[in-house]
Structures are given as C-alpha cells and as structure tokens.
Protein backbone atom coordinates (compact mmCIF):
# COMPACT_ATOMS: atom_id res chain seq x y z
CA MET A 1 60.63 -16.75 80.33
CA ARG A 2 57.40 -16.89 82.28
CA PRO A 3 56.35 -13.27 81.43
CA LEU A 4 57.06 -13.95 77.74
CA MET A 5 54.81 -16.99 77.79
CA ILE A 6 52.05 -14.97 79.41
CA ILE A 7 52.33 -12.31 76.66
CA LEU A 8 52.17 -14.94 73.90
CA VAL A 9 49.10 -16.56 75.44
CA VAL A 10 47.36 -13.20 75.74
CA ALA A 11 48.20 -12.33 72.11
CA ALA A 12 46.89 -15.70 70.91
CA LEU A 13 43.70 -15.24 72.84
CA GLY A 14 43.26 -11.75 71.32
CA ILE A 15 43.78 -13.03 67.77
CA ALA A 16 41.34 -15.89 68.36
CA GLY A 17 38.74 -13.48 69.74
CA THR A 18 39.11 -11.15 66.79
CA ALA A 19 38.74 -14.02 64.33
CA ALA A 20 35.65 -15.29 66.13
CA PHE A 21 34.12 -11.79 66.02
CA MET A 22 34.75 -11.48 62.27
CA VAL A 23 33.27 -14.93 61.62
CA LYS A 24 30.17 -14.10 63.69
CA ARG A 25 29.73 -10.78 61.87
CA TYR A 26 29.96 -12.53 58.50
CA LEU A 27 27.45 -15.21 59.49
CA ASP A 28 25.03 -12.57 60.82
CA GLY A 29 25.22 -10.71 57.50
CA GLN A 30 24.49 -13.86 55.54
CA ALA A 31 21.52 -14.66 57.75
CA ALA A 32 20.12 -11.14 57.25
CA GLN A 33 20.37 -11.53 53.47
CA THR A 34 18.63 -14.90 53.67
CA VAL A 35 15.60 -13.60 55.53
CA GLN A 36 15.36 -10.39 53.38
CA PRO A 37 12.27 -10.67 51.07
CA ALA A 38 13.03 -10.93 47.33
CA GLU A 39 11.95 -8.12 45.01
CA PRO A 40 8.84 -8.99 43.00
CA SER A 41 9.52 -9.83 39.27
CA LEU A 42 7.99 -7.64 36.49
CA ALA A 43 4.67 -9.08 35.28
CA THR A 44 4.63 -9.79 31.53
CA GLU A 45 2.27 -11.16 28.89
CA GLN A 46 2.88 -12.78 25.51
CA VAL A 47 1.62 -10.42 22.77
CA LEU A 48 1.06 -11.53 19.15
CA VAL A 49 3.18 -9.36 16.81
CA VAL A 50 4.20 -9.29 13.15
CA SER A 51 7.52 -11.07 12.67
CA ARG A 52 8.47 -9.26 9.43
CA ASP A 53 7.30 -6.40 7.21
CA ILE A 54 4.00 -7.20 5.48
CA GLY A 55 2.59 -5.31 2.48
CA ALA A 56 -1.04 -4.29 2.12
CA GLY A 57 -3.09 -7.07 0.54
CA ALA A 58 -0.67 -9.83 1.59
CA VAL A 59 -2.14 -13.05 2.98
CA LEU A 60 -0.62 -13.87 6.38
CA ILE A 61 1.06 -17.22 6.93
CA GLU A 62 2.13 -18.76 10.24
CA ASP A 63 5.73 -17.52 9.91
CA ASP A 64 4.47 -13.92 9.64
CA LEU A 65 3.36 -13.96 13.30
CA ARG A 66 5.11 -14.66 16.62
CA TYR A 67 4.67 -13.98 20.34
CA GLU A 68 6.76 -11.45 22.28
CA GLU A 69 7.08 -10.85 26.02
CA TRP A 70 5.64 -7.42 26.85
CA PRO A 71 5.30 -5.72 30.26
CA LYS A 72 1.71 -6.20 31.36
CA ALA A 73 1.40 -2.51 32.19
CA VAL A 74 1.80 -1.44 28.54
CA VAL A 75 -0.38 -4.11 26.91
CA ASP A 76 -3.37 -2.47 25.20
CA ARG A 77 -6.73 -4.20 25.37
CA ARG A 78 -6.80 -4.33 21.53
CA PHE A 79 -3.67 -6.49 21.44
CA VAL A 80 -3.91 -10.25 21.05
CA VAL A 81 -2.55 -11.98 24.17
CA ARG A 82 -1.67 -15.66 24.41
CA PRO A 83 -3.88 -17.31 27.03
CA GLY A 84 -2.52 -19.73 29.57
CA VAL A 85 -4.90 -22.45 28.43
CA GLY A 86 -7.26 -22.90 25.51
CA GLU A 87 -6.98 -22.40 21.75
CA ASP A 88 -4.08 -20.37 20.37
CA PRO A 89 -5.55 -17.08 18.93
CA LYS A 90 -2.73 -16.99 16.38
CA ARG A 91 -4.68 -19.51 14.28
CA GLN A 92 -7.43 -16.94 13.72
CA PHE A 93 -5.01 -14.66 11.83
CA VAL A 94 -3.32 -17.23 9.60
CA GLY A 95 -4.88 -16.89 6.13
CA ALA A 96 -6.22 -13.37 6.77
CA THR A 97 -5.32 -10.45 4.46
CA ALA A 98 -3.55 -7.28 5.64
CA ARG A 99 -5.67 -4.15 5.17
CA ARG A 100 -2.53 -1.97 5.25
CA ALA A 101 1.23 -2.28 5.46
CA LEU A 102 2.37 -3.83 8.76
CA ALA A 103 5.84 -3.31 10.27
CA ALA A 104 7.93 -6.01 11.92
CA GLY A 105 7.33 -6.07 15.68
CA GLU A 106 3.95 -4.34 15.41
CA PRO A 107 1.21 -5.88 17.60
CA ILE A 108 -1.52 -7.42 15.46
CA THR A 109 -5.11 -6.23 15.98
CA GLY A 110 -8.43 -7.42 14.62
CA ASN A 111 -9.03 -4.34 12.44
CA ALA A 112 -5.62 -4.68 10.75
CA VAL A 113 -6.71 -7.71 8.72
CA PHE A 114 -9.76 -9.13 6.98
CA ARG A 115 -10.79 -12.31 5.23
CA GLN A 116 -11.67 -12.27 1.55
CA ASP A 117 -14.94 -14.05 2.19
CA GLU A 118 -16.09 -11.26 4.49
CA ALA A 119 -18.38 -8.45 3.33
CA GLY A 120 -16.67 -5.09 2.85
CA PHE A 121 -13.14 -6.43 2.48
CA MET A 122 -12.39 -4.21 -0.54
CA SER A 123 -13.54 -1.04 1.23
CA GLY A 124 -11.01 -1.85 3.96
CA MET A 125 -8.16 -1.61 1.43
CA LEU A 126 -9.11 1.86 0.18
CA SER A 127 -7.28 4.94 1.40
CA PRO A 128 -9.53 7.54 3.09
CA GLY A 129 -11.57 9.49 0.52
CA MET A 130 -10.69 7.18 -2.37
CA ARG A 131 -12.90 4.99 -4.56
CA ALA A 132 -12.51 1.66 -6.35
CA VAL A 133 -13.45 1.31 -10.02
CA SER A 134 -12.95 -1.64 -12.37
CA ILE A 135 -11.68 -1.70 -15.95
CA ALA A 136 -12.23 -4.57 -18.38
CA LEU A 137 -8.94 -6.21 -19.36
CA THR A 138 -7.51 -7.96 -22.38
CA PRO A 139 -3.93 -9.21 -22.86
CA THR A 140 -3.35 -6.15 -25.06
CA ASN A 141 -4.49 -3.43 -22.68
CA SER A 142 -2.94 -4.98 -19.54
CA VAL A 143 0.69 -5.65 -20.60
CA ALA A 144 -0.01 -9.32 -21.33
CA GLY A 145 -1.01 -10.03 -17.75
CA PHE A 146 2.13 -8.64 -16.10
CA ILE A 147 0.12 -6.03 -14.19
CA GLY A 148 -0.73 -7.30 -10.71
CA PRO A 149 -2.16 -6.08 -7.40
CA GLY A 150 0.00 -3.38 -5.84
CA ASP A 151 1.46 -2.16 -9.15
CA ARG A 152 1.28 1.47 -10.29
CA VAL A 153 -0.14 2.28 -13.72
CA ASP A 154 -1.16 5.12 -16.03
CA VAL A 155 -4.69 5.06 -17.43
CA VAL A 156 -4.76 5.84 -21.18
CA LEU A 157 -7.83 6.44 -23.37
CA GLY A 158 -7.75 5.30 -27.00
CA LEU A 159 -10.28 6.84 -29.43
CA GLU A 160 -11.24 6.47 -33.07
CA MET A 161 -12.64 9.56 -34.83
CA ARG A 162 -13.06 11.22 -38.22
CA GLY A 163 -10.91 14.03 -39.54
CA SER A 164 -11.84 17.09 -41.60
CA HIS A 165 -11.89 15.03 -44.81
CA ASN A 166 -13.81 12.18 -43.20
CA GLU A 167 -10.60 10.17 -42.85
CA LYS A 168 -10.29 7.79 -39.89
CA LEU A 169 -7.97 9.02 -37.12
CA HIS A 170 -6.86 7.35 -33.89
CA THR A 171 -5.79 9.09 -30.68
CA ALA A 172 -4.30 8.09 -27.34
CA GLU A 173 -4.48 10.32 -24.25
CA VAL A 174 -3.13 9.86 -20.72
CA LEU A 175 -6.06 10.41 -18.38
CA PHE A 176 -4.40 9.73 -15.01
CA SER A 177 -0.88 8.87 -13.88
CA ASN A 178 0.50 6.75 -11.03
CA VAL A 179 -2.73 4.96 -10.10
CA ARG A 180 -2.61 2.02 -7.65
CA VAL A 181 -3.95 -1.38 -8.72
CA LEU A 182 -5.97 -2.95 -5.90
CA ALA A 183 -6.89 -6.29 -7.47
CA ILE A 184 -6.91 -8.33 -10.66
CA ASP A 185 -10.23 -10.16 -10.76
CA THR A 186 -10.51 -11.25 -7.10
CA ARG A 187 -6.76 -11.64 -6.55
CA LEU A 188 -5.34 -9.19 -4.01
CA LYS A 189 -1.77 -10.51 -4.19
CA ALA A 190 0.61 -10.69 -7.14
CA GLU A 191 1.13 -14.30 -8.24
CA GLY A 192 3.22 -13.89 -11.38
CA PRO A 193 1.91 -13.20 -14.90
CA ALA A 194 -1.78 -14.12 -14.92
CA PRO A 195 -4.09 -12.30 -17.36
CA GLY A 196 -7.41 -11.39 -15.77
CA LYS A 197 -10.74 -10.08 -16.97
CA THR A 198 -10.95 -6.97 -14.76
CA ALA A 199 -8.58 -4.66 -12.91
CA THR A 200 -9.79 -2.75 -9.85
CA ILE A 201 -7.91 0.51 -9.30
CA GLU A 202 -7.93 3.19 -6.59
CA VAL A 203 -8.99 6.66 -7.75
CA THR A 204 -10.63 9.84 -6.50
CA PRO A 205 -14.40 10.30 -6.95
CA GLU A 206 -13.80 12.71 -9.87
CA GLN A 207 -11.39 10.28 -11.54
CA ALA A 208 -13.94 7.49 -11.18
CA GLU A 209 -16.51 9.57 -13.10
CA SER A 210 -14.01 10.35 -15.84
CA ILE A 211 -12.98 6.70 -16.21
CA ILE A 212 -16.60 5.56 -16.52
CA THR A 213 -17.25 8.22 -19.17
CA ALA A 214 -14.01 7.43 -21.03
CA GLY A 215 -14.89 3.72 -21.07
CA ALA A 216 -18.10 4.56 -22.91
CA MET A 217 -16.19 6.73 -25.40
CA GLY A 218 -13.38 4.37 -26.40
CA SER A 219 -10.88 1.81 -25.14
CA LEU A 220 -9.02 2.08 -21.83
CA TYR A 221 -5.43 0.85 -21.43
CA LEU A 222 -3.27 0.35 -18.34
CA VAL A 223 0.40 1.24 -18.80
CA LEU A 224 2.72 -0.31 -16.21
CA ARG A 225 5.06 2.04 -14.32
CA SER A 226 8.46 1.32 -12.77
CA LEU A 227 8.65 0.41 -9.08
CA SER A 228 11.50 2.91 -8.61
CA GLN A 229 10.63 6.47 -7.67
CA GLU A 230 10.39 8.70 -10.73
CA PRO A 231 11.25 12.43 -10.72
CA ALA A 232 8.31 14.81 -10.69
CA GLU A 233 9.24 16.26 -14.10
CA ALA A 234 8.87 12.79 -15.63
CA GLU A 235 5.12 12.85 -14.98
CA ASP A 236 3.16 13.17 -18.23
CA LYS A 237 -0.36 13.77 -17.01
CA ASN A 238 -1.53 15.38 -20.26
CA GLY A 239 0.20 13.15 -22.79
CA PHE A 240 -1.56 13.06 -26.15
CA SER A 241 -0.86 11.32 -29.47
CA SER A 242 -2.86 10.90 -32.65
CA SER A 243 -2.49 9.41 -36.10
CA LEU A 244 -1.18 12.79 -37.29
CA THR A 245 1.47 13.09 -34.57
CA VAL A 246 2.67 9.49 -34.96
CA SER A 247 2.65 8.85 -38.72
CA ARG A 248 4.25 11.02 -41.42
CA ALA A 249 2.29 9.05 -44.00
CA VAL A 250 -1.02 10.05 -42.46
CA ARG A 251 0.08 13.69 -42.30
CA ALA A 252 1.10 13.59 -45.95
CA ILE A 253 -2.16 12.00 -47.10
CA THR A 254 -4.45 14.19 -45.00
CA GLY A 255 -2.41 17.40 -45.26
CA GLY A 256 -1.95 17.41 -41.51
CA GLY A 257 1.16 19.61 -41.59
CA ALA A 258 4.82 19.05 -40.67
CA HIS A 259 4.63 19.55 -36.89
CA PRO A 260 4.64 16.11 -35.28
CA ARG A 261 3.27 17.23 -31.90
CA GLU A 262 0.64 19.62 -33.23
CA GLU A 263 -2.86 18.48 -32.34
CA PRO A 264 -5.19 18.19 -35.33
CA SER A 265 -8.24 20.37 -35.63
CA VAL A 266 -11.52 18.72 -36.48
CA SER A 267 -14.15 20.45 -38.58
CA VAL A 268 -17.76 19.86 -37.66
CA THR A 269 -20.67 20.34 -40.06
CA VAL A 270 -24.01 20.89 -38.38
CA GLU A 271 -27.43 21.10 -39.99
CA VAL A 272 -29.49 23.83 -38.33
CA SER A 273 -32.97 25.27 -38.52
CA PRO A 274 -33.51 29.03 -39.29
CA ARG A 275 -32.25 31.44 -36.61
CA ARG A 276 -31.29 28.69 -34.23
CA PRO A 277 -28.21 29.24 -32.00
CA VAL A 278 -25.54 26.57 -32.41
CA ARG A 279 -22.55 25.74 -30.19
CA LEU A 280 -19.39 25.13 -32.28
CA ASN A 281 -16.12 23.62 -31.12
CA ARG A 282 -13.17 24.53 -33.36
CA ALA A 283 -9.94 22.93 -32.11
CA GLY A 284 -10.99 23.42 -28.50
CA GLN A 285 -12.41 26.95 -28.98
CA VAL A 286 -16.12 26.98 -28.15
CA SER A 287 -18.43 29.66 -29.64
CA ILE A 288 -22.18 30.14 -30.08
CA GLN A 289 -23.48 31.40 -33.47
CA SER A 290 -26.85 31.84 -35.08
CA PHE A 291 -27.44 30.71 -38.65
CA SER A 292 -30.15 31.83 -41.06
CA GLN A 293 -31.70 29.48 -43.67
C-alpha cells in the first residue's frame, strides 16, 4: 500500500505543477497584451456635404446640408470643414443659390453657390460659351405664366405682312427649339404659375443676335415643352405657318391655292431710277436686275 500512496502523491504533484504552469503562462500572456501599445485611430474631419440632389438655381435650405466624417488625408483644402470652436460655416451657405446641379453626398465649395444680391450671379448660371438674353412677356406669349425657371421652350416669331394683293397675312415661325429658361423677372426658382414681365433664356451668341432682330420685326412667343425626353425626329426647328396654310377661307379669298403647307409667295413692287440695278426677292429666290425708265 505504501508504494501506491507514493505514486498517487507524485501524480498529484505533477498535475498541480502542470496546472500552475498553464495558469502562469495565461497570466503572462494577458500581461503582455496589457502593456502592448494600442494602434493609433484614423484621423477624421467633419466635411460639409449636400444631403440630397439639388437642381441648378435652387436656393439652399438648412436641410440640404449636413456634415460627414471624412478621413483627414483625403480632405481637399476647398472643402468646408467644421471647426472645433467658433461659428458654424454651414450658416454661410443657407439661402445661397446653386450655380449648377449638386449631387447628394457631394462636398460643398464656395464656387458652387452664389447669392442673388452678388454681382455676376447670372453669369455663374450660364453654360460655357452661352449667352443670356431677355424677352418681354405677356400672359399670351408665356403660356399664362406657367413657364418658369428651368423649363424648356421653343422660341416662335409671329409676323404681320402684306400679300400680293395687299391683303393682310400673319405668319408664325419656330426660330429655336429646346431653349432653357434661366429666370422669370429676377426669380431663379419655379414658384408655381406667376406671370412675369421678362424671361431670360440661355442661347448661343448667334441665337442671341437672331432673337434681338426678330424682336424688332414682330412678336416673340415662348412655347412650353414637355419635361420628358422627346425623340429627335419630333424636333421641328423650321416649323412655319401662315394665314394661307392655316385658313381655307383666306386661301379662297386670296387665291392662295389648295396646298395647306405651301408657303405663299410675296410680290414686291419697287420704284427705280433709270439703269439702276435692283435686288429682287421672289419667294426666296434672290436676283439682281437692271430696269430702264
């Protein structure tokens, strides 16, 4: 029995030693983790961004802007960063007008907006190479005030002229299609039906010259277009109508013929001096002739 007791004591001592070794190893590991330095956290800054999609010409409100945590390494110097102390820079952008369309999540910058009381605010809304020209409005030529900033329109010229028998004729001609409306009076944002006195539209330099000339010739009308995308074949850039193409009664009275879309020819009588060359325009055909007395 004595040898058995010795064996049991030795086994117990071995188990106790093993357990003590495992406990010590565990405690040493925990101590090593405790003294190990923590990894540095990523430095960030709060950047002012657009909280939702904003259209060009829209006036920003407080809900349109919010702060987002951005890694400091990618923050551009043009971005607006929230300071630790002092005035919130977000206030400077509330009430400003977007120069262009802004996407949700896009960092706001100083050149992306303007205030309507600042000089040059309209030039900031123009696309590169484009011009702004204004057209006088009435309820009749502006769809009773339903045309607003941001809409697309066709510009139509209405003329009054005399026919070959000195009868009064009226014509309507599409000058330009799909033109963007920048403002109605000084309003840059649509606010429901509100007739104005002037419409400012965006055109090319050549179109601006034509519109100014057409305004001196007759009456200009703005025809509202659909917001949905129209097929290219639906564009009617050279549309033309006259009293003869519209009214059968006028054709019958003036002898204008039976073809409703046929453009009328206009005879011109010119008094000339002997042997003087004269430029004649017959239904669009230009010729130079000399007449004797």
